[in-house]
N, C-alpha and C. Protein backbone atom coordinates (compact mmCIF):
# COMPACT_ATOMS: atom_id res chain seq x y z
N MET A 1 21.04 117.51 212.33
CA MET A 1 21.32 118.20 212.40
C MET A 1 22.89 118.76 213.02
N ILE A 2 23.95 119.06 212.42
CA ILE A 2 25.19 119.07 213.01
C ILE A 2 25.68 120.32 213.12
N ASN A 3 26.03 121.15 213.77
CA ASN A 3 26.83 122.56 213.59
C ASN A 3 28.13 122.56 213.84
N GLY A 4 29.34 123.12 212.97
CA GLY A 4 30.19 122.78 213.31
C GLY A 4 30.95 124.44 213.58
N GLU A 5 31.91 124.50 213.82
CA GLU A 5 32.48 125.68 213.24
C GLU A 5 34.01 125.65 212.80
N ILE A 6 34.46 126.04 210.89
CA ILE A 6 35.48 125.67 210.34
C ILE A 6 36.70 126.61 210.60
N GLY A 7 36.71 127.37 211.14
CA GLY A 7 37.27 128.43 211.15
C GLY A 7 37.75 129.13 210.44
N SER A 8 39.00 130.45 210.53
CA SER A 8 39.28 130.90 209.67
C SER A 8 40.48 131.11 208.91
N VAL A 9 40.46 130.89 207.47
CA VAL A 9 41.20 131.14 207.11
C VAL A 9 42.11 132.47 205.88
N THR A 10 43.33 132.23 206.06
CA THR A 10 43.82 133.34 205.30
C THR A 10 44.51 133.31 203.66
N VAL A 11 44.50 133.78 203.21
CA VAL A 11 45.43 133.97 202.32
C VAL A 11 46.17 134.91 201.38
N THR A 12 47.67 134.73 201.21
CA THR A 12 48.27 135.46 201.07
C THR A 12 49.08 135.55 199.35
N THR A 13 49.29 136.31 199.16
CA THR A 13 49.82 136.12 197.72
C THR A 13 50.87 137.50 197.42
N THR A 14 51.80 136.96 196.53
CA THR A 14 52.63 137.61 196.37
C THR A 14 52.64 138.10 194.21
N SER A 15 53.41 138.70 194.20
CA SER A 15 53.38 139.01 192.32
C SER A 15 54.43 139.29 192.48
N ASN A 16 54.67 137.90 191.63
CA ASN A 16 56.45 137.67 190.80
C ASN A 16 57.58 137.28 191.75
N SER A 17 56.67 136.87 193.01
CA SER A 17 58.49 136.64 193.78
C SER A 17 57.79 135.31 194.87
N HIS A 18 58.09 135.33 196.04
CA HIS A 18 57.58 133.97 196.94
C HIS A 18 57.44 134.58 197.83
N LEU A 19 57.04 133.72 199.02
CA LEU A 19 57.19 134.24 200.27
C LEU A 19 58.30 133.75 201.27
N PRO A 20 59.06 134.44 201.71
CA PRO A 20 60.22 134.63 202.22
C PRO A 20 60.21 134.12 203.59
N PRO A 21 61.54 133.31 203.73
CA PRO A 21 61.63 133.07 204.76
C PRO A 21 61.22 134.04 206.67
N GLU A 22 61.06 135.09 206.12
CA GLU A 22 60.23 135.25 207.31
C GLU A 22 59.39 135.60 207.92
N TYR A 23 58.48 135.72 206.69
CA TYR A 23 57.46 135.31 206.74
C TYR A 23 56.93 134.07 207.22
N TRP A 24 57.28 132.82 206.68
CA TRP A 24 57.02 131.21 207.49
C TRP A 24 57.69 131.25 208.50
N ALA A 25 58.57 132.12 209.42
CA ALA A 25 58.93 132.17 211.29
C ALA A 25 57.39 132.51 211.41
N GLN A 26 56.92 133.49 210.69
CA GLN A 26 55.98 134.46 211.88
C GLN A 26 54.87 133.08 211.64
N ARG A 27 54.66 132.86 210.55
CA ARG A 27 53.58 131.33 210.57
C ARG A 27 53.45 130.59 211.94
N ALA A 28 54.66 130.41 211.84
CA ALA A 28 55.18 128.93 212.69
C ALA A 28 54.84 129.57 213.96
N THR A 29 55.35 130.47 214.10
CA THR A 29 55.23 131.43 215.27
C THR A 29 54.34 131.02 216.11
N SER A 30 53.70 131.94 215.10
CA SER A 30 51.61 132.30 215.86
C SER A 30 51.64 131.01 215.64
N HIS A 31 51.61 129.90 215.80
CA HIS A 31 50.65 128.56 216.22
C HIS A 31 51.50 127.96 217.17
N ILE A 32 52.99 128.28 217.14
CA ILE A 32 53.12 127.86 218.78
C ILE A 32 52.96 128.97 219.97
N VAL A 33 53.28 130.16 219.62
CA VAL A 33 53.13 131.08 220.72
C VAL A 33 51.85 131.83 220.81
N HIS A 34 50.90 131.80 222.00
CA HIS A 34 50.03 132.98 221.92
C HIS A 34 49.60 133.90 223.15
N VAL A 35 49.41 134.84 222.60
CA VAL A 35 49.77 136.21 224.40
C VAL A 35 48.00 135.96 223.55
N GLY A 36 47.39 136.15 224.93
CA GLY A 36 46.19 136.42 225.26
C GLY A 36 45.51 137.52 225.72
N GLN A 37 45.03 137.87 224.88
CA GLN A 37 44.92 139.66 225.21
C GLN A 37 44.07 140.21 226.32
N GLU A 38 43.79 139.34 227.15
CA GLU A 38 43.55 139.86 228.57
C GLU A 38 44.45 138.96 229.59
N SER A 39 45.29 138.92 229.20
CA SER A 39 46.66 138.59 229.69
C SER A 39 47.46 139.94 231.11
N HIS A 40 48.04 139.61 231.92
CA HIS A 40 48.20 140.66 232.64
C HIS A 40 49.25 141.34 232.19
N PRO A 41 49.49 142.16 231.95
CA PRO A 41 50.27 143.26 231.59
C PRO A 41 52.11 142.52 230.93
N ALA A 42 52.44 142.38 232.66
CA ALA A 42 53.68 141.65 232.45
C ALA A 42 53.85 140.67 232.55
N ILE A 43 52.60 139.71 232.03
CA ILE A 43 52.71 137.97 231.73
C ILE A 43 52.96 138.19 230.05
N ALA A 44 52.22 139.38 229.33
CA ALA A 44 51.73 139.92 227.94
C ALA A 44 53.41 140.23 227.12
N ASP A 45 53.86 141.37 228.43
CA ASP A 45 55.14 141.91 228.03
C ASP A 45 56.50 140.27 228.40
N GLN A 46 56.27 139.22 228.78
CA GLN A 46 57.36 138.37 228.65
C GLN A 46 57.08 137.45 227.39
N ALA A 47 55.35 137.26 226.98
CA ALA A 47 55.24 136.14 226.15
C ALA A 47 55.66 136.76 225.26
N LYS A 48 55.31 138.12 224.38
CA LYS A 48 55.48 139.24 223.58
C LYS A 48 57.45 138.25 223.38
N ALA A 49 58.01 138.79 224.17
CA ALA A 49 59.26 138.83 224.03
C ALA A 49 60.24 137.55 223.82
N PHE A 50 59.42 136.54 224.52
CA PHE A 50 59.83 135.16 224.04
C PHE A 50 59.13 135.06 222.35
N LYS A 51 57.46 135.45 222.45
CA LYS A 51 57.82 134.84 221.06
C LYS A 51 58.29 135.57 219.44
N GLU A 52 59.37 137.16 220.01
CA GLU A 52 59.51 137.10 219.25
C GLU A 52 61.27 136.10 219.02
N ALA A 53 61.85 135.82 220.06
CA ALA A 53 62.64 135.17 220.34
C ALA A 53 62.73 133.84 219.59
N VAL A 54 61.12 133.57 219.41
CA VAL A 54 61.26 131.77 219.01
C VAL A 54 60.99 131.89 217.77
N CYS A 55 60.46 133.24 216.86
CA CYS A 55 60.44 133.55 215.57
C CYS A 55 62.05 133.88 215.29
N HIS A 56 62.70 134.65 216.00
CA HIS A 56 64.17 134.79 214.93
C HIS A 56 64.77 133.18 215.27
N VAL A 57 65.10 132.12 216.33
CA VAL A 57 65.33 130.68 215.90
C VAL A 57 64.99 130.27 214.82
N ILE A 58 63.30 130.28 214.85
CA ILE A 58 62.09 129.40 213.29
C ILE A 58 62.90 130.33 212.21
N ASP A 59 63.55 131.43 212.21
CA ASP A 59 63.98 132.09 210.85
C ASP A 59 65.18 131.56 210.58
N TYR A 60 66.13 131.76 211.65
CA TYR A 60 67.45 131.26 211.63
C TYR A 60 67.40 129.73 210.55
N TYR A 61 67.24 128.44 211.74
CA TYR A 61 66.89 127.74 211.05
C TYR A 61 66.26 127.04 209.99
N ILE A 62 64.92 128.40 209.24
CA ILE A 62 64.52 127.66 207.98
C ILE A 62 65.73 128.47 206.99
N LYS A 63 66.29 129.22 207.39
CA LYS A 63 67.30 129.58 206.64
C LYS A 63 68.87 128.61 206.12
N VAL A 64 68.74 127.94 207.83
CA VAL A 64 70.46 126.95 207.25
C VAL A 64 69.47 126.11 206.49
N ALA A 65 68.15 125.96 206.79
CA ALA A 65 67.16 124.36 205.74
C ALA A 65 67.91 124.78 205.19
N ILE A 66 67.63 125.85 203.85
CA ILE A 66 67.47 126.47 202.55
C ILE A 66 68.65 126.30 202.33
N LYS A 67 69.88 126.79 202.74
CA LYS A 67 71.51 126.58 202.09
C LYS A 67 71.59 125.13 201.98
N GLU A 68 71.20 123.95 203.46
CA GLU A 68 71.39 122.84 202.94
C GLU A 68 71.20 122.34 201.68
N ASP A 69 69.62 122.60 201.63
CA ASP A 69 69.06 121.68 200.83
C ASP A 69 69.86 122.42 199.30
N ARG A 70 70.26 123.63 198.82
CA ARG A 70 71.20 124.11 197.86
C ARG A 70 71.99 123.55 198.13
N SER A 71 73.15 123.32 199.04
CA SER A 71 74.45 122.34 198.64
C SER A 71 73.82 121.10 198.33
N LYS A 72 72.59 120.12 198.79
CA LYS A 72 72.66 118.91 198.34
C LYS A 72 72.50 119.01 197.19
N VAL A 73 71.57 120.16 196.45
CA VAL A 73 71.35 119.69 194.92
C VAL A 73 72.83 120.28 194.44
N VAL A 74 73.32 120.77 194.65
CA VAL A 74 74.84 121.60 193.75
C VAL A 74 75.48 120.22 193.99
N THR A 75 75.81 119.12 195.47
CA THR A 75 76.28 117.91 194.96
C THR A 75 75.92 117.07 194.35
N LEU A 76 74.78 117.13 193.98
CA LEU A 76 74.09 116.06 193.06
C LEU A 76 74.29 116.10 191.49
N LEU A 77 73.93 117.94 191.40
CA LEU A 77 74.25 118.10 190.22
C LEU A 77 76.18 118.08 189.59
N ARG A 78 77.06 118.20 190.58
CA ARG A 78 78.12 118.09 190.16
C ARG A 78 78.62 116.75 190.28
N SER A 79 77.85 115.75 190.76
CA SER A 79 78.24 113.89 190.72
C SER A 79 77.43 113.66 189.45
N ALA A 80 76.81 114.34 188.96
CA ALA A 80 75.67 114.20 187.75
C ALA A 80 76.84 114.65 186.33
N GLY A 81 77.67 115.28 186.80
CA GLY A 81 78.15 116.04 185.22
C GLY A 81 77.29 117.22 185.04
N GLN A 82 76.94 117.93 185.91
CA GLN A 82 75.92 119.35 185.68
C GLN A 82 76.53 119.93 185.81
N ASN A 83 78.13 120.43 186.10
CA ASN A 83 78.71 121.61 186.75
C ASN A 83 78.19 122.52 186.13
N ASP A 84 78.21 123.53 185.00
CA ASP A 84 77.00 124.86 184.55
C ASP A 84 75.71 124.71 185.35
N LEU A 85 75.13 123.77 185.55
CA LEU A 85 73.66 123.85 186.34
C LEU A 85 74.10 124.23 187.67
N ALA A 86 75.21 122.72 188.19
CA ALA A 86 75.48 123.39 189.96
C ALA A 86 75.31 124.91 190.30
N ASN A 87 76.86 125.48 189.17
CA ASN A 87 77.38 126.89 189.29
C ASN A 87 75.57 127.62 189.16
N SER A 88 75.13 127.47 188.38
CA SER A 88 74.04 128.12 188.46
C SER A 88 73.27 128.44 189.83
N VAL A 89 72.39 127.07 190.37
CA VAL A 89 72.20 126.85 191.22
C VAL A 89 72.76 127.46 192.41
N GLU A 90 74.11 127.49 192.92
CA GLU A 90 75.36 128.34 194.02
C GLU A 90 75.18 129.45 194.37
N LYS A 91 74.91 130.24 192.68
CA LYS A 91 74.65 131.49 192.78
C LYS A 91 73.31 132.18 193.44
N LEU A 92 72.50 131.33 193.88
CA LEU A 92 71.00 131.88 193.72
C LEU A 92 71.08 131.77 195.36
């Protein structure tokens, strides 16, 4: 018999909405930076500040990537002659 641990599962839902970039930045940050509960307070403070800085950087680049993707979609729609649709996507 082999026993193993699978881990925990987290489920996040929204109602008539989507998960914003901030949510994904926090999720990514929590996988990148971990602050041990038994860390020395000075080290824990530094790690928490670093974690917050990492979260801001990830959030910024997620938003830039979303903008760039929308720009690509608009460009493709315009090149396909779908100007009205491109204008609608641009307003998102």
